Protein backbone atom coordinates (compact mmCIF):
# COMPACT_ATOMS: atom_id res chain seq x y z
CA UNK A 1 -20.28 14.07 -53.71
CA UNK A 2 -22.78 11.31 -54.36
CA UNK A 3 -26.94 11.98 -55.21
CA UNK A 4 -29.24 9.68 -56.62
CA UNK A 5 -30.18 9.76 -60.27
CA UNK A 6 -34.03 9.94 -61.83
CA UNK A 7 -34.00 5.64 -61.65
CA UNK A 8 -32.89 5.13 -58.35
CA UNK A 9 -29.28 4.43 -58.35
CA UNK A 10 -27.05 5.79 -56.36
CA UNK A 11 -24.89 8.35 -58.33
CA UNK A 12 -21.59 7.22 -56.20
CA UNK A 13 -22.13 3.61 -58.00
CA UNK A 14 -24.70 2.22 -55.42
CA UNK A 15 -28.36 1.20 -56.84
CA UNK A 16 -30.24 1.62 -53.48
CA UNK A 17 -33.48 4.19 -53.33
CA UNK A 18 -33.88 6.21 -50.29
CA UNK A 19 -36.78 3.78 -49.12
CA UNK A 20 -34.36 0.64 -49.55
CA UNK A 21 -31.94 2.69 -47.77
CA UNK A 22 -34.18 3.30 -45.04
CA UNK A 23 -35.28 0.01 -44.72
CA UNK A 24 -31.71 -1.45 -44.40
CA UNK A 25 -31.44 1.03 -41.41
CA UNK A 26 -34.32 -0.55 -40.13
CA UNK A 27 -32.89 -3.85 -40.91
CA UNK A 28 -29.60 -3.91 -39.53
CA UNK A 29 -29.11 -3.30 -35.75
CA UNK A 30 -26.94 -0.61 -34.49
CA UNK A 31 -24.18 -2.25 -31.85
CA UNK A 32 -24.54 -1.47 -28.71
CA UNK A 33 -21.27 -0.37 -26.09
CA UNK A 34 -19.81 -3.49 -24.57
CA UNK A 35 -19.24 -1.84 -21.26
CA UNK A 36 -19.41 -4.24 -18.06
CA UNK A 37 -21.74 -3.84 -15.74
CA UNK A 38 -20.33 -6.47 -13.15
CA UNK A 39 -16.24 -7.48 -12.31
CA UNK A 40 -15.36 -10.22 -10.42
CA UNK A 41 -11.37 -10.85 -9.11
CA UNK A 42 -10.10 -14.52 -8.87
CA UNK A 43 -6.79 -16.54 -8.88
CA UNK A 44 -5.38 -19.66 -8.90
CA UNK A 45 -2.01 -22.09 -9.81
CA UNK A 46 -1.75 -25.09 -11.39
CA UNK A 47 1.37 -27.51 -12.05
CA UNK A 48 2.02 -30.21 -14.63
CA UNK A 49 5.04 -31.58 -16.70
CA UNK A 50 4.34 -29.21 -19.75
CA UNK A 51 3.95 -25.62 -19.41
CA UNK A 52 0.45 -25.21 -21.81
CA UNK A 53 -1.10 -27.87 -19.10
CA UNK A 54 -0.26 -25.88 -15.84
CA UNK A 55 -1.58 -22.91 -17.05
CA UNK A 56 -4.75 -24.98 -17.74
CA UNK A 57 -4.57 -25.86 -14.29
CA UNK A 58 -4.04 -22.99 -12.95
CA UNK A 59 -7.26 -21.19 -15.11
CA UNK A 60 -9.05 -24.19 -13.64
CA UNK A 61 -8.12 -23.24 -10.22
CA UNK A 62 -9.59 -19.68 -10.64
CA UNK A 63 -12.94 -21.39 -11.87
CA UNK A 64 -12.14 -19.79 -15.83
CA UNK A 65 -10.56 -22.42 -17.95
CA UNK A 66 -14.27 -23.04 -19.82
CA UNK A 67 -14.08 -19.75 -21.31
CA UNK A 68 -12.36 -18.08 -24.21
CA UNK A 69 -10.43 -15.41 -22.57
CA UNK A 70 -9.68 -11.68 -24.47
CA UNK A 71 -7.38 -9.95 -22.42
CA UNK A 72 -8.25 -6.26 -22.82
CA UNK A 73 -6.20 -3.02 -21.46
CA UNK A 74 -6.56 -1.47 -17.94
CA UNK A 75 -9.60 0.35 -17.58
CA UNK A 76 -11.94 -0.19 -14.40
CA UNK A 77 -15.62 0.94 -16.52
CA UNK A 78 -17.86 3.48 -14.79
CA UNK A 79 -20.71 1.92 -12.68
CA UNK A 80 -19.19 -1.42 -12.44
CA UNK A 81 -20.54 -3.37 -9.56
CA UNK A 82 -17.54 -5.95 -7.78
CA UNK A 83 -19.17 -9.56 -7.29
CA UNK A 84 -17.43 -12.44 -5.68
CA UNK A 85 -16.57 -15.17 -8.48
CA UNK A 86 -19.27 -17.35 -7.24
CA UNK A 87 -22.00 -14.63 -7.92
CA UNK A 88 -19.92 -13.25 -11.12
CA UNK A 89 -18.96 -16.93 -13.44
CA UNK A 90 -22.09 -18.50 -13.08
CA UNK A 91 -23.51 -15.83 -15.13
CA UNK A 92 -21.04 -16.84 -18.09
CA UNK A 93 -21.41 -19.79 -20.12
CA UNK A 94 -19.04 -22.57 -21.67
CA UNK A 95 -17.23 -21.31 -24.34
CA UNK A 96 -18.23 -17.72 -24.31
CA UNK A 97 -15.86 -14.91 -24.90
CA UNK A 98 -14.73 -13.11 -22.15
CA UNK A 99 -12.71 -9.68 -21.45
CA UNK A 100 -10.40 -9.87 -18.69
CA UNK A 101 -7.32 -8.42 -17.31
CA UNK A 102 -5.10 -10.89 -16.22
CA UNK A 103 -1.40 -11.63 -15.06
CA UNK A 104 -0.05 -15.02 -15.24
CA UNK A 105 3.63 -16.24 -13.96
CA UNK A 106 5.46 -19.73 -14.32
CA UNK A 107 8.83 -21.38 -13.55
CA UNK A 108 9.87 -25.01 -13.82
CA UNK A 109 12.63 -24.13 -11.55
CA UNK A 110 12.83 -25.87 -8.49
CA UNK A 111 12.06 -23.17 -5.74
CA UNK A 112 11.64 -20.27 -7.27
CA UNK A 113 9.08 -17.72 -6.22
CA UNK A 114 6.35 -16.64 -8.88
CA UNK A 115 3.75 -14.15 -8.17
CA UNK A 116 1.13 -12.59 -10.53
CA UNK A 117 -1.21 -9.67 -9.58
CA UNK A 118 -3.89 -7.63 -10.75
CA UNK A 119 -4.29 -4.18 -8.82
CA UNK A 120 -7.59 -2.18 -8.91
CA UNK A 121 -8.52 1.66 -7.81
CA UNK A 122 -12.06 3.09 -8.57
CA UNK A 123 -12.96 7.21 -7.56
CA UNK A 124 -15.43 8.02 -5.26
CA UNK A 125 -17.57 9.39 -8.38
CA UNK A 126 -19.03 6.30 -9.71
CA UNK A 127 -19.72 8.06 -13.22
CA UNK A 128 -16.24 8.28 -13.71
CA UNK A 129 -13.67 5.18 -14.79
CA UNK A 130 -11.03 3.86 -12.63
CA UNK A 131 -8.09 2.15 -13.61
CA UNK A 132 -6.63 -2.10 -13.52
CA UNK A 133 -2.94 -3.32 -13.27
CA UNK A 134 -0.79 -6.08 -13.86
CA UNK A 135 2.14 -7.15 -12.44
CA UNK A 136 4.19 -10.77 -13.06
CA UNK A 137 7.12 -11.25 -10.85
CA UNK A 138 9.90 -13.56 -9.43
CA UNK A 139 11.20 -13.72 -6.29
CA UNK A 140 8.60 -11.67 -4.90
CA UNK A 141 6.48 -12.22 -1.66
CA UNK A 142 2.60 -12.09 -2.36
CA UNK A 143 2.49 -8.83 -0.22
CA UNK A 144 5.08 -7.37 -2.01
CA UNK A 145 3.63 -8.18 -5.50
CA UNK A 146 0.51 -7.14 -4.33
CA UNK A 147 1.54 -3.60 -2.69
CA UNK A 148 3.26 -2.88 -6.11
CA UNK A 149 0.37 -3.53 -8.07
CA UNK A 150 -2.33 -2.03 -6.00
CA UNK A 151 0.15 1.21 -6.32
CA UNK A 152 0.46 1.33 -10.06
CA UNK A 153 -3.59 1.08 -10.20
CA UNK A 154 -3.65 3.86 -7.61
CA UNK A 155 -1.03 6.29 -8.92
CA UNK A 156 -2.37 6.13 -12.35
CA UNK A 157 -6.01 7.33 -11.14
CA UNK A 158 -4.72 9.49 -8.66
CA UNK A 159 -2.59 11.20 -11.51
CA UNK A 160 -5.97 11.22 -13.44
CA UNK A 161 -7.88 13.34 -10.93
CA UNK A 162 -4.96 15.84 -10.15
CA UNK A 163 -4.43 14.63 -6.69
CA UNK A 164 -0.88 16.20 -5.67
CA UNK A 165 1.35 13.79 -4.19
CA UNK A 166 5.48 12.87 -4.03
CA UNK A 167 5.83 9.96 -5.68
CA UNK A 168 9.42 9.45 -3.91
CA UNK A 169 7.14 8.58 -0.95
CA UNK A 170 6.66 4.98 -0.08
CA UNK A 171 3.06 3.65 -0.74
CA UNK A 172 1.71 3.52 2.39
CA UNK A 173 2.69 6.94 2.88
CA UNK A 174 0.85 7.86 -0.76
CA UNK A 175 -2.00 5.61 -0.10
CA UNK A 176 -2.90 7.93 3.03
CA UNK A 177 -2.36 11.07 0.83
CA UNK A 178 -5.16 9.17 -2.10
CA UNK A 179 -7.84 8.52 0.98
CA UNK A 180 -7.42 11.98 2.65
CA UNK A 181 -8.09 13.66 -1.31
CA UNK A 182 -11.46 11.86 -1.15
CA UNK A 183 -11.32 11.35 -4.90
CA UNK A 184 -10.13 7.62 -4.74
CA UNK A 185 -12.75 5.53 -2.83
CA UNK A 186 -10.95 1.82 -3.05
CA UNK A 187 -8.10 0.39 -3.54
CA UNK A 188 -7.18 -3.44 -4.14
CA UNK A 189 -5.45 -6.54 -5.72
CA UNK A 190 -5.62 -9.75 -5.63
CA UNK A 191 -2.21 -12.10 -6.07
CA UNK A 192 -1.31 -15.57 -6.31
CA UNK A 193 2.13 -16.75 -5.61
CA UNK A 194 3.34 -20.11 -5.30
CA UNK A 195 7.26 -21.65 -4.92
CA UNK A 196 8.56 -23.54 -8.45
CA UNK A 197 7.64 -27.42 -8.10
CA UNK A 198 10.85 -29.30 -6.24
CA UNK A 199 11.04 -32.18 -9.09
CA UNK A 200 11.01 -29.27 -11.65
CA UNK A 201 7.62 -29.49 -12.99
CA UNK A 202 6.41 -26.03 -14.70
CA UNK A 203 4.50 -23.99 -11.97
CA UNK A 204 1.79 -21.60 -12.96
CA UNK A 205 0.14 -18.87 -11.18
CA UNK A 206 -2.66 -16.32 -12.23
CA UNK A 207 -4.61 -13.75 -11.15
CA UNK A 208 -7.50 -11.94 -12.87
CA UNK A 209 -10.22 -9.61 -13.26
CA UNK A 210 -13.55 -10.95 -15.12
CA UNK A 211 -15.79 -8.72 -16.80
CA UNK A 212 -19.38 -9.88 -17.16
CA UNK A 213 -21.79 -7.48 -19.23
């Protein structure tokens, strides 16, 4: 247990009076929770002889190469509004640290199919968080990758909300159960797919949910 001595020194070894403590608390701002208010979904693909450069080309195609991207885990925030990439990205500055949920996949094998997808499911109650999921795959069509990724997010949300379903049923059947429950208001996915360049150049695809605070 610490206290303050007669000369104003903290008995724990820190010489600071109560007055100085109060002034310090007033000076140092309390960090506010960093909860995104907006989100947008974007995608892109790039081709280059170098793997890293093909990733850069894919980010440019998606319109997000100018940001310092930080990947986060897959929670869609409460009260977060989805906007178009054109509307959302204009509020961000070059060099800004931007949080995102992103999937990417790449290949240098000619004609090999690659896909990257991000799925989202959010509940009817806007004050409740939803889920995002990412999927990177080879040999799957865009539709299959998108459905799988959307299924991941919707199923995670359904288990959180206590929606009863048969996990052995296909996603189209479970999606109808989720809709009929009235608890899941929306599920979606964004997918970018491509075939590997015929001459063996690196081909990269990205899909991302970008957060704007």
